[in-house]
Amino acid sequence: MDGVPIRFTFHERMLGPVAPGAQTPQEGAALGRARGVTFVADLNVSIPDLSAFFADPRHAAELGGTVTCPGLASRQPVESGRLEMYVADPGQKAKLMRYTFRFCGDDGKPYCFEGIKILHTPLPSLRSQVTLLSSIRRDRPDGPLWGAGILVFRLRDLPKFLASMRAEGLPRLQALWRFSRFAQRELLHAPS
């Protein structure tokens, strides 16, 4: 299999309370919970070349999928999506997971989503690994803030998440093993 890029894909579903007008994820989560507003991100993660992904310090993957949020988006497609995994943040002694993408709201206007998981390494808490602090802006990444909230990966979705992992160019279990070893190594070593 030398020279053949190994493509690796998986599906991740995160959801949680958000609120328009909220200035922080914590405020958005509290208001969204009280109002019953849930943002659902059904994301397809694609790594076109697993070896290049491992070598890239940003460990960047492509994001696709859909987003749903009452009053904002009804299964709207994710556009220009990017996931950066285990990016070193030495100032916080953490690794960051950054999710960014665009989508068109039901109002026909563009929105930009940015979410971050802060993993204090080594051995980050399970809570930090499943919690995505999120903000949604109008028009562009630095545009006016629409709102914010906190999405989570539910542990009951773990079997589906693992079953969704696929590989091309290498047997599935071998690719899964390589990806798992990479994730374990990143989570056990603090940035310097």
N, C-alpha and C. Protein backbone atom coordinates (compact mmCIF):
# COMPACT_ATOMS: atom_id res chain seq x y z
N MET A 1 0.81 -1.20 0.00
CA MET A 1 0.00 0.00 0.00
C MET A 1 0.86 1.27 0.00
N ASP A 2 2.18 1.10 -0.24
CA ASP A 2 3.07 2.25 -0.24
C ASP A 2 2.64 3.25 -1.31
N GLY A 3 2.66 4.53 -0.96
CA GLY A 3 2.35 5.59 -1.90
C GLY A 3 0.87 5.83 -2.12
N VAL A 4 0.01 4.96 -1.65
CA VAL A 4 -1.43 5.15 -1.81
C VAL A 4 -1.96 5.92 -0.61
N PRO A 5 -2.55 7.10 -0.83
CA PRO A 5 -3.10 7.84 0.31
C PRO A 5 -4.21 7.05 1.00
N ILE A 6 -4.19 7.07 2.30
CA ILE A 6 -5.22 6.40 3.09
C ILE A 6 -6.28 7.44 3.45
N ARG A 7 -7.48 7.25 2.93
CA ARG A 7 -8.59 8.15 3.21
C ARG A 7 -9.32 7.61 4.44
N PHE A 8 -9.64 8.50 5.37
CA PHE A 8 -10.29 8.10 6.62
C PHE A 8 -11.48 9.01 6.86
N THR A 9 -12.65 8.44 7.13
CA THR A 9 -13.87 9.24 7.34
C THR A 9 -14.64 8.74 8.56
N PHE A 10 -15.41 9.66 9.14
CA PHE A 10 -16.33 9.28 10.21
C PHE A 10 -17.42 10.33 10.34
N HIS A 11 -18.47 9.96 11.05
CA HIS A 11 -19.62 10.84 11.29
C HIS A 11 -19.67 11.19 12.78
N GLU A 12 -19.85 12.47 13.07
CA GLU A 12 -19.95 12.93 14.46
C GLU A 12 -21.21 13.79 14.60
N ARG A 13 -21.99 13.49 15.62
CA ARG A 13 -23.20 14.27 15.88
C ARG A 13 -23.04 14.98 17.22
N MET A 14 -23.20 16.30 17.20
CA MET A 14 -23.16 17.09 18.43
C MET A 14 -24.40 17.96 18.47
N LEU A 15 -24.91 18.17 19.65
CA LEU A 15 -26.08 19.01 19.80
C LEU A 15 -26.09 19.66 21.17
N GLY A 16 -26.82 20.76 21.26
CA GLY A 16 -26.92 21.43 22.55
C GLY A 16 -27.64 22.76 22.44
N PRO A 17 -27.90 23.36 23.60
CA PRO A 17 -28.66 24.61 23.64
C PRO A 17 -27.85 25.80 23.14
N VAL A 18 -28.52 26.64 22.35
CA VAL A 18 -27.95 27.90 21.86
C VAL A 18 -29.03 28.97 21.98
N ALA A 19 -28.60 30.22 21.92
CA ALA A 19 -29.57 31.31 21.97
C ALA A 19 -29.09 32.48 21.13
N PRO A 20 -30.00 33.05 20.32
CA PRO A 20 -29.65 34.27 19.60
C PRO A 20 -29.42 35.39 20.61
N GLY A 21 -28.45 36.24 20.30
CA GLY A 21 -28.16 37.38 21.17
C GLY A 21 -27.21 37.07 22.30
N ALA A 22 -26.96 35.79 22.57
CA ALA A 22 -26.04 35.42 23.65
C ALA A 22 -24.62 35.84 23.28
N GLN A 23 -23.88 36.35 24.25
CA GLN A 23 -22.52 36.83 24.02
C GLN A 23 -21.46 35.78 24.32
N THR A 24 -21.79 34.78 25.13
CA THR A 24 -20.83 33.73 25.48
C THR A 24 -21.52 32.37 25.33
N PRO A 25 -20.72 31.32 25.14
CA PRO A 25 -21.32 29.98 25.08
C PRO A 25 -22.12 29.63 26.33
N GLN A 26 -21.61 30.01 27.50
CA GLN A 26 -22.30 29.69 28.75
C GLN A 26 -23.66 30.40 28.83
N GLU A 27 -23.68 31.67 28.46
CA GLU A 27 -24.95 32.42 28.45
C GLU A 27 -25.91 31.80 27.44
N GLY A 28 -25.41 31.47 26.25
CA GLY A 28 -26.25 30.88 25.22
C GLY A 28 -26.82 29.53 25.63
N ALA A 29 -26.00 28.73 26.33
CA ALA A 29 -26.48 27.42 26.79
C ALA A 29 -27.59 27.58 27.82
N ALA A 30 -27.42 28.51 28.75
CA ALA A 30 -28.45 28.72 29.79
C ALA A 30 -29.75 29.23 29.16
N LEU A 31 -29.64 30.22 28.28
CA LEU A 31 -30.84 30.78 27.63
C LEU A 31 -31.49 29.75 26.69
N GLY A 32 -30.67 29.06 25.92
CA GLY A 32 -31.19 28.06 25.00
C GLY A 32 -31.90 26.93 25.72
N ARG A 33 -31.34 26.51 26.85
CA ARG A 33 -31.97 25.45 27.65
C ARG A 33 -33.32 25.93 28.15
N ALA A 34 -33.38 27.16 28.66
CA ALA A 34 -34.63 27.72 29.19
C ALA A 34 -35.69 27.87 28.09
N ARG A 35 -35.24 28.19 26.87
CA ARG A 35 -36.17 28.41 25.75
C ARG A 35 -36.41 27.15 24.92
N GLY A 36 -35.68 26.10 25.20
CA GLY A 36 -35.85 24.86 24.45
C GLY A 36 -35.31 24.93 23.03
N VAL A 37 -34.23 25.70 22.81
CA VAL A 37 -33.63 25.83 21.48
C VAL A 37 -32.36 24.97 21.41
N THR A 38 -32.38 23.97 20.53
CA THR A 38 -31.25 23.06 20.39
C THR A 38 -30.66 23.16 18.99
N PHE A 39 -29.36 23.31 18.91
CA PHE A 39 -28.61 23.32 17.66
C PHE A 39 -28.07 21.90 17.46
N VAL A 40 -28.30 21.32 16.29
CA VAL A 40 -27.82 19.97 15.98
C VAL A 40 -26.86 20.06 14.80
N ALA A 41 -25.65 19.56 15.01
CA ALA A 41 -24.65 19.49 13.94
C ALA A 41 -24.39 18.02 13.63
N ASP A 42 -24.84 17.58 12.46
CA ASP A 42 -24.56 16.23 11.96
C ASP A 42 -23.40 16.37 10.98
N LEU A 43 -22.21 16.00 11.43
CA LEU A 43 -21.00 16.31 10.67
C LEU A 43 -20.33 15.06 10.10
N ASN A 44 -19.93 15.18 8.86
CA ASN A 44 -19.14 14.15 8.19
C ASN A 44 -17.71 14.65 8.11
N VAL A 45 -16.81 13.93 8.75
CA VAL A 45 -15.40 14.32 8.80
C VAL A 45 -14.64 13.47 7.78
N SER A 46 -13.83 14.13 6.96
CA SER A 46 -13.08 13.43 5.91
C SER A 46 -11.61 13.85 5.96
N ILE A 47 -10.76 12.85 6.06
CA ILE A 47 -9.31 13.05 6.03
C ILE A 47 -8.83 12.39 4.73
N PRO A 48 -8.50 13.20 3.70
CA PRO A 48 -8.14 12.62 2.40
C PRO A 48 -6.85 11.79 2.41
N ASP A 49 -5.90 12.14 3.29
CA ASP A 49 -4.61 11.44 3.34
C ASP A 49 -4.18 11.36 4.81
N LEU A 50 -4.34 10.20 5.40
CA LEU A 50 -4.08 10.03 6.83
C LEU A 50 -2.63 10.34 7.20
N SER A 51 -1.67 9.95 6.37
CA SER A 51 -0.26 10.23 6.67
C SER A 51 0.01 11.73 6.65
N ALA A 52 -0.53 12.44 5.67
CA ALA A 52 -0.35 13.91 5.61
C ALA A 52 -1.04 14.57 6.80
N PHE A 53 -2.18 14.04 7.20
CA PHE A 53 -2.91 14.55 8.37
C PHE A 53 -2.06 14.43 9.63
N PHE A 54 -1.43 13.27 9.83
CA PHE A 54 -0.58 13.07 11.00
C PHE A 54 0.59 14.05 10.99
N ALA A 55 1.18 14.30 9.82
CA ALA A 55 2.36 15.17 9.71
C ALA A 55 2.03 16.65 9.87
N ASP A 56 0.82 17.05 9.56
CA ASP A 56 0.39 18.45 9.64
C ASP A 56 0.17 18.83 11.11
N PRO A 57 0.86 19.86 11.64
CA PRO A 57 0.66 20.23 13.05
C PRO A 57 -0.77 20.68 13.37
N ARG A 58 -1.54 21.07 12.36
CA ARG A 58 -2.92 21.48 12.59
C ARG A 58 -3.88 20.29 12.46
N HIS A 59 -3.38 19.17 11.95
CA HIS A 59 -4.19 17.96 11.80
C HIS A 59 -5.58 18.32 11.26
N ALA A 60 -5.59 18.92 10.06
CA ALA A 60 -6.82 19.45 9.48
C ALA A 60 -7.58 18.39 8.68
N ALA A 61 -8.90 18.40 8.87
CA ALA A 61 -9.81 17.52 8.14
C ALA A 61 -10.92 18.36 7.53
N GLU A 62 -11.59 17.80 6.53
CA GLU A 62 -12.72 18.48 5.90
C GLU A 62 -14.01 18.13 6.63
N LEU A 63 -14.91 19.11 6.72
CA LEU A 63 -16.21 18.89 7.36
C LEU A 63 -17.33 19.10 6.36
N GLY A 64 -18.29 18.20 6.37
CA GLY A 64 -19.53 18.35 5.62
C GLY A 64 -20.67 18.00 6.55
N GLY A 65 -21.85 17.84 6.00
CA GLY A 65 -23.00 17.46 6.82
C GLY A 65 -24.10 18.49 6.79
N THR A 66 -24.90 18.51 7.87
CA THR A 66 -26.02 19.45 7.97
C THR A 66 -26.12 20.02 9.37
N VAL A 67 -26.80 21.17 9.46
CA VAL A 67 -27.11 21.78 10.75
C VAL A 67 -28.60 22.08 10.83
N THR A 68 -29.13 21.95 12.04
CA THR A 68 -30.54 22.22 12.29
C THR A 68 -30.65 23.01 13.58
N CYS A 69 -31.44 24.07 13.55
CA CYS A 69 -31.70 24.87 14.75
C CYS A 69 -33.01 25.63 14.53
N PRO A 70 -34.00 25.44 15.40
CA PRO A 70 -35.28 26.12 15.23
C PRO A 70 -35.10 27.64 15.08
N GLY A 71 -35.74 28.18 14.07
CA GLY A 71 -35.67 29.62 13.83
C GLY A 71 -34.42 30.07 13.12
N LEU A 72 -33.52 29.14 12.81
CA LEU A 72 -32.27 29.52 12.14
C LEU A 72 -32.01 28.66 10.90
N ALA A 73 -32.02 27.34 11.05
CA ALA A 73 -31.65 26.47 9.94
C ALA A 73 -32.38 25.13 10.04
N SER A 74 -32.95 24.70 8.91
CA SER A 74 -33.64 23.41 8.85
C SER A 74 -32.85 22.47 7.95
N ARG A 75 -31.99 21.64 8.56
CA ARG A 75 -31.13 20.70 7.83
C ARG A 75 -30.40 21.37 6.68
N GLN A 76 -29.77 22.49 6.99
CA GLN A 76 -29.01 23.22 5.98
C GLN A 76 -27.62 22.59 5.83
N PRO A 77 -27.12 22.49 4.59
CA PRO A 77 -25.81 21.88 4.38
C PRO A 77 -24.66 22.71 4.94
N VAL A 78 -23.68 22.01 5.47
CA VAL A 78 -22.44 22.62 5.93
C VAL A 78 -21.58 22.92 4.71
N GLU A 79 -21.00 24.12 4.67
CA GLU A 79 -20.14 24.52 3.55
C GLU A 79 -18.79 24.97 4.10
N SER A 80 -17.74 24.76 3.31
CA SER A 80 -16.38 25.21 3.65
C SER A 80 -15.99 24.79 5.07
N GLY A 81 -16.32 23.56 5.43
CA GLY A 81 -16.07 23.09 6.79
C GLY A 81 -14.66 22.58 7.00
N ARG A 82 -14.16 22.84 8.20
CA ARG A 82 -12.80 22.42 8.56
C ARG A 82 -12.77 22.04 10.04
N LEU A 83 -12.09 20.95 10.32
CA LEU A 83 -11.86 20.51 11.69
C LEU A 83 -10.36 20.40 11.88
N GLU A 84 -9.84 21.11 12.89
CA GLU A 84 -8.43 20.99 13.26
C GLU A 84 -8.39 20.24 14.58
N MET A 85 -7.63 19.15 14.61
CA MET A 85 -7.62 18.27 15.78
C MET A 85 -6.30 18.36 16.55
N TYR A 86 -6.42 18.47 17.85
CA TYR A 86 -5.26 18.41 18.76
C TYR A 86 -4.20 19.44 18.41
N VAL A 87 -4.63 20.67 18.17
CA VAL A 87 -3.69 21.76 17.87
C VAL A 87 -3.11 22.24 19.20
N ALA A 88 -1.79 22.30 19.28
CA ALA A 88 -1.12 22.69 20.52
C ALA A 88 -1.40 24.15 20.88
N ASP A 89 -1.74 24.38 22.13
CA ASP A 89 -1.89 25.72 22.70
C ASP A 89 -1.05 25.76 23.97
N PRO A 90 0.29 26.00 23.82
CA PRO A 90 1.18 25.95 24.98
C PRO A 90 0.79 26.90 26.10
N GLY A 91 0.20 28.03 25.78
CA GLY A 91 -0.20 29.00 26.81
C GLY A 91 -1.19 28.42 27.80
N GLN A 92 -2.07 27.55 27.33
CA GLN A 92 -3.06 26.93 28.22
C GLN A 92 -2.67 25.51 28.62
N LYS A 93 -1.51 25.04 28.14
CA LYS A 93 -1.12 23.64 28.33
C LYS A 93 -2.28 22.74 27.90
N ALA A 94 -2.73 23.00 26.68
CA ALA A 94 -3.90 22.31 26.16
C ALA A 94 -3.72 21.99 24.69
N LYS A 95 -4.56 21.09 24.23
CA LYS A 95 -4.72 20.83 22.80
C LYS A 95 -6.14 21.29 22.46
N LEU A 96 -6.28 21.88 21.29
CA LEU A 96 -7.57 22.43 20.88
C LEU A 96 -8.13 21.63 19.71
N MET A 97 -9.45 21.50 19.71
CA MET A 97 -10.18 20.95 18.57
C MET A 97 -11.04 22.10 18.06
N ARG A 98 -10.79 22.53 16.81
CA ARG A 98 -11.50 23.68 16.25
C ARG A 98 -12.40 23.23 15.10
N TYR A 99 -13.67 23.58 15.20
CA TYR A 99 -14.66 23.28 14.17
C TYR A 99 -15.09 24.61 13.56
N THR A 100 -14.94 24.76 12.25
CA THR A 100 -15.41 25.98 11.58
C THR A 100 -16.14 25.57 10.30
N PHE A 101 -17.26 26.24 10.05
CA PHE A 101 -17.97 26.01 8.80
C PHE A 101 -18.97 27.13 8.57
N ARG A 102 -19.44 27.18 7.34
CA ARG A 102 -20.48 28.13 6.94
C ARG A 102 -21.76 27.35 6.67
N PHE A 103 -22.88 28.05 6.76
CA PHE A 103 -24.16 27.47 6.34
C PHE A 103 -25.09 28.62 5.99
N CYS A 104 -26.10 28.31 5.21
CA CYS A 104 -27.10 29.30 4.83
C CYS A 104 -28.30 29.10 5.75
N GLY A 105 -28.73 30.17 6.39
CA GLY A 105 -29.90 30.08 7.26
C GLY A 105 -31.18 29.96 6.45
N ASP A 106 -32.26 29.62 7.13
CA ASP A 106 -33.56 29.55 6.46
C ASP A 106 -33.97 30.91 5.90
N ASP A 107 -33.35 31.98 6.42
CA ASP A 107 -33.64 33.33 5.92
C ASP A 107 -32.85 33.65 4.65
N GLY A 108 -32.06 32.67 4.16
CA GLY A 108 -31.28 32.87 2.95
C GLY A 108 -29.95 33.58 3.17
N LYS A 109 -29.64 33.92 4.40
CA LYS A 109 -28.40 34.66 4.70
C LYS A 109 -27.30 33.70 5.17
N PRO A 110 -26.03 34.08 4.92
CA PRO A 110 -24.92 33.23 5.35
C PRO A 110 -24.60 33.39 6.83
N TYR A 111 -24.20 32.28 7.44
CA TYR A 111 -23.78 32.26 8.85
C TYR A 111 -22.48 31.48 8.95
N CYS A 112 -21.68 31.82 9.95
CA CYS A 112 -20.41 31.14 10.21
C CYS A 112 -20.43 30.57 11.62
N PHE A 113 -20.13 29.29 11.71
CA PHE A 113 -20.08 28.59 13.00
C PHE A 113 -18.63 28.38 13.38
N GLU A 114 -18.33 28.63 14.65
CA GLU A 114 -17.01 28.31 15.19
C GLU A 114 -17.20 27.64 16.53
N GLY A 115 -16.57 26.49 16.69
CA GLY A 115 -16.64 25.77 17.96
C GLY A 115 -15.26 25.32 18.37
N ILE A 116 -15.04 25.23 19.68
CA ILE A 116 -13.73 24.83 20.18
C ILE A 116 -13.89 23.91 21.39
N LYS A 117 -13.10 22.84 21.38
CA LYS A 117 -12.96 21.98 22.55
C LYS A 117 -11.57 22.26 23.12
N ILE A 118 -11.49 22.50 24.42
CA ILE A 118 -10.21 22.77 25.07
C ILE A 118 -9.85 21.55 25.90
N LEU A 119 -8.80 20.86 25.48
CA LEU A 119 -8.39 19.61 26.12
C LEU A 119 -7.10 19.85 26.90
N HIS A 120 -7.21 20.00 28.21
CA HIS A 120 -6.03 20.21 29.05
C HIS A 120 -5.29 18.89 29.16
N THR A 121 -4.07 18.87 28.61
CA THR A 121 -3.29 17.64 28.55
C THR A 121 -2.15 17.68 29.55
N PRO A 122 -1.60 16.56 29.97
CA PRO A 122 -2.04 15.23 29.57
C PRO A 122 -3.32 14.81 30.27
N LEU A 123 -3.94 13.80 29.73
CA LEU A 123 -5.17 13.21 30.28
C LEU A 123 -6.29 14.22 30.49
N PRO A 124 -6.84 14.78 29.41
CA PRO A 124 -7.97 15.70 29.56
C PRO A 124 -9.20 14.98 30.10
N SER A 125 -10.05 15.74 30.75
CA SER A 125 -11.28 15.15 31.29
C SER A 125 -12.19 14.71 30.14
N LEU A 126 -13.01 13.74 30.42
CA LEU A 126 -13.98 13.28 29.43
C LEU A 126 -14.91 14.42 29.04
N ARG A 127 -15.31 15.21 30.02
CA ARG A 127 -16.21 16.34 29.75
C ARG A 127 -15.60 17.29 28.70
N SER A 128 -14.32 17.61 28.83
CA SER A 128 -13.70 18.53 27.87
C SER A 128 -13.64 17.92 26.47
N GLN A 129 -13.56 16.60 26.39
CA GLN A 129 -13.47 15.94 25.09
C GLN A 129 -14.81 15.90 24.35
N VAL A 130 -15.90 16.11 25.05
CA VAL A 130 -17.22 16.04 24.42
C VAL A 130 -17.94 17.38 24.39
N THR A 131 -17.32 18.45 24.90
CA THR A 131 -17.97 19.76 25.04
C THR A 131 -17.41 20.74 24.02
N LEU A 132 -18.29 21.29 23.18
CA LEU A 132 -17.91 22.23 22.12
C LEU A 132 -18.48 23.61 22.43
N LEU A 133 -17.61 24.54 22.83
CA LEU A 133 -18.01 25.93 23.08
C LEU A 133 -18.19 26.60 21.73
N SER A 134 -19.39 27.12 21.46
CA SER A 134 -19.75 27.50 20.10
C SER A 134 -20.25 28.93 19.98
N SER A 135 -19.94 29.53 18.83
CA SER A 135 -20.50 30.84 18.49
C SER A 135 -20.92 30.82 17.02
N ILE A 136 -21.94 31.62 16.72
CA ILE A 136 -22.47 31.71 15.36
C ILE A 136 -22.50 33.18 14.99
N ARG A 137 -21.88 33.48 13.85
CA ARG A 137 -21.80 34.87 13.39
C ARG A 137 -22.51 35.02 12.05
N ARG A 138 -22.97 36.24 11.80
CA ARG A 138 -23.62 36.55 10.52
C ARG A 138 -22.56 36.86 9.47
N ASP A 139 -22.84 36.47 8.26
CA ASP A 139 -22.08 36.83 7.06
C ASP A 139 -20.68 36.25 6.94
N ARG A 140 -19.83 36.41 7.96
CA ARG A 140 -18.42 36.04 7.84
C ARG A 140 -17.87 35.70 9.23
N PRO A 141 -16.69 35.09 9.28
CA PRO A 141 -16.13 34.68 10.58
C PRO A 141 -15.96 35.81 11.59
N ASP A 142 -15.73 37.03 11.11
CA ASP A 142 -15.59 38.17 12.03
C ASP A 142 -16.83 39.07 11.99
N GLY A 143 -17.93 38.54 11.48
CA GLY A 143 -19.17 39.32 11.37
C GLY A 143 -19.88 39.48 12.69
N PRO A 144 -21.03 40.15 12.67
CA PRO A 144 -21.80 40.36 13.90
C PRO A 144 -22.22 39.02 14.53
N LEU A 145 -22.15 38.96 15.83
CA LEU A 145 -22.49 37.74 16.55
C LEU A 145 -24.00 37.51 16.50
N TRP A 146 -24.42 36.34 16.00
CA TRP A 146 -25.84 35.96 16.03
C TRP A 146 -26.20 35.42 17.40
N GLY A 147 -25.31 34.56 17.94
CA GLY A 147 -25.58 33.93 19.22
C GLY A 147 -24.50 32.93 19.56
N ALA A 148 -24.74 32.17 20.62
CA ALA A 148 -23.73 31.23 21.10
C ALA A 148 -24.41 30.11 21.88
N GLY A 149 -23.63 29.10 22.23
CA GLY A 149 -24.15 27.99 23.02
C GLY A 149 -23.09 26.93 23.23
N ILE A 150 -23.51 25.81 23.76
CA ILE A 150 -22.61 24.70 24.04
C ILE A 150 -23.21 23.42 23.46
N LEU A 151 -22.47 22.81 22.53
CA LEU A 151 -22.87 21.53 21.96
C LEU A 151 -22.09 20.42 22.65
N VAL A 152 -22.67 19.23 22.68
CA VAL A 152 -21.97 18.09 23.26
C VAL A 152 -22.09 16.87 22.35
N PHE A 153 -21.07 16.04 22.43
CA PHE A 153 -21.12 14.71 21.83
C PHE A 153 -21.65 13.80 22.92
N ARG A 154 -22.80 13.16 22.67
CA ARG A 154 -23.41 12.29 23.69
C ARG A 154 -22.73 10.92 23.67
N LEU A 155 -22.38 10.44 24.84
CA LEU A 155 -21.70 9.15 24.94
C LEU A 155 -22.55 8.01 24.40
N ARG A 156 -23.87 8.15 24.44
CA ARG A 156 -24.72 7.09 23.88
C ARG A 156 -24.57 6.99 22.36
N ASP A 157 -23.98 8.04 21.74
CA ASP A 157 -23.73 8.01 20.30
C ASP A 157 -22.38 7.38 19.95
N LEU A 158 -21.60 6.99 20.96
CA LEU A 158 -20.26 6.45 20.72
C LEU A 158 -20.28 5.20 19.82
N PRO A 159 -21.18 4.23 20.04
CA PRO A 159 -21.17 3.06 19.13
C PRO A 159 -21.40 3.45 17.67
N LYS A 160 -22.33 4.36 17.40
CA LYS A 160 -22.57 4.81 16.02
C LYS A 160 -21.35 5.53 15.47
N PHE A 161 -20.72 6.36 16.32
CA PHE A 161 -19.52 7.10 15.93
C PHE A 161 -18.42 6.13 15.50
N LEU A 162 -18.15 5.13 16.31
CA LEU A 162 -17.11 4.15 16.00
C LEU A 162 -17.46 3.34 14.76
N ALA A 163 -18.73 2.95 14.64
CA ALA A 163 -19.17 2.17 13.48
C ALA A 163 -19.09 2.97 12.18
N SER A 164 -19.14 4.30 12.28
CA SER A 164 -19.11 5.14 11.09
C SER A 164 -17.71 5.29 10.50
N MET A 165 -16.68 4.92 11.24
CA MET A 165 -15.30 5.09 10.78
C MET A 165 -15.02 4.16 9.61
N ARG A 166 -14.52 4.76 8.52
CA ARG A 166 -14.24 4.03 7.29
C ARG A 166 -12.85 4.41 6.77
N ALA A 167 -12.25 3.50 6.03
CA ALA A 167 -10.95 3.76 5.43
C ALA A 167 -10.93 3.26 4.00
N GLU A 168 -10.17 3.96 3.16
CA GLU A 168 -9.89 3.52 1.79
C GLU A 168 -8.38 3.53 1.64
N GLY A 169 -7.83 2.46 1.09
CA GLY A 169 -6.38 2.37 0.90
C GLY A 169 -5.69 1.57 1.98
N LEU A 170 -6.44 1.13 2.98
CA LEU A 170 -5.91 0.32 4.07
C LEU A 170 -7.10 -0.39 4.71
N PRO A 171 -6.94 -1.62 5.17
CA PRO A 171 -8.05 -2.27 5.85
C PRO A 171 -8.56 -1.41 7.01
N ARG A 172 -9.86 -1.42 7.20
CA ARG A 172 -10.52 -0.55 8.19
C ARG A 172 -9.89 -0.66 9.58
N LEU A 173 -9.67 -1.87 10.06
CA LEU A 173 -9.14 -2.02 11.42
C LEU A 173 -7.72 -1.48 11.55
N GLN A 174 -6.91 -1.62 10.50
CA GLN A 174 -5.56 -1.06 10.54
C GLN A 174 -5.62 0.47 10.59
N ALA A 175 -6.47 1.06 9.78
CA ALA A 175 -6.61 2.53 9.77
C ALA A 175 -7.15 3.01 11.10
N LEU A 176 -8.13 2.30 11.64
CA LEU A 176 -8.70 2.67 12.94
C LEU A 176 -7.62 2.59 14.03
N TRP A 177 -6.80 1.58 13.99
CA TRP A 177 -5.71 1.42 14.95
C TRP A 177 -4.73 2.60 14.84
N ARG A 178 -4.35 2.96 13.61
CA ARG A 178 -3.42 4.09 13.42
C ARG A 178 -4.02 5.39 13.94
N PHE A 179 -5.29 5.62 13.63
CA PHE A 179 -5.94 6.85 14.09
C PHE A 179 -6.06 6.85 15.61
N SER A 180 -6.40 5.72 16.20
CA SER A 180 -6.54 5.63 17.66
C SER A 180 -5.20 5.87 18.36
N ARG A 181 -4.12 5.31 17.82
CA ARG A 181 -2.79 5.54 18.40
C ARG A 181 -2.41 7.01 18.33
N PHE A 182 -2.72 7.65 17.20
CA PHE A 182 -2.45 9.08 17.05
C PHE A 182 -3.21 9.87 18.11
N ALA A 183 -4.51 9.61 18.27
CA ALA A 183 -5.33 10.34 19.24
C ALA A 183 -4.81 10.12 20.66
N GLN A 184 -4.47 8.90 20.98
CA GLN A 184 -3.95 8.60 22.33
C GLN A 184 -2.65 9.36 22.58
N ARG A 185 -1.76 9.35 21.62
CA ARG A 185 -0.48 10.06 21.76
C ARG A 185 -0.72 11.56 21.99
N GLU A 186 -1.63 12.14 21.22
CA GLU A 186 -1.91 13.57 21.35
C GLU A 186 -2.51 13.90 22.72
N LEU A 187 -3.37 13.04 23.22
CA LEU A 187 -4.04 13.31 24.50
C LEU A 187 -3.13 13.09 25.70
N LEU A 188 -2.09 12.31 25.54
CA LEU A 188 -1.21 12.01 26.67
C LEU A 188 -0.02 12.96 26.78
N HIS A 189 0.19 13.79 25.77
CA HIS A 189 1.35 14.69 25.80
C HIS A 189 0.91 16.15 25.79
N ALA A 190 1.35 16.87 26.80
CA ALA A 190 1.04 18.30 26.89
C ALA A 190 1.94 19.08 25.94
N PRO A 191 1.42 20.16 25.34
CA PRO A 191 2.27 20.99 24.48
C PRO A 191 3.33 21.69 25.32
N SER A 192 4.49 21.92 24.72
CA SER A 192 5.56 22.60 25.47
C SER A 192 5.76 24.00 24.97
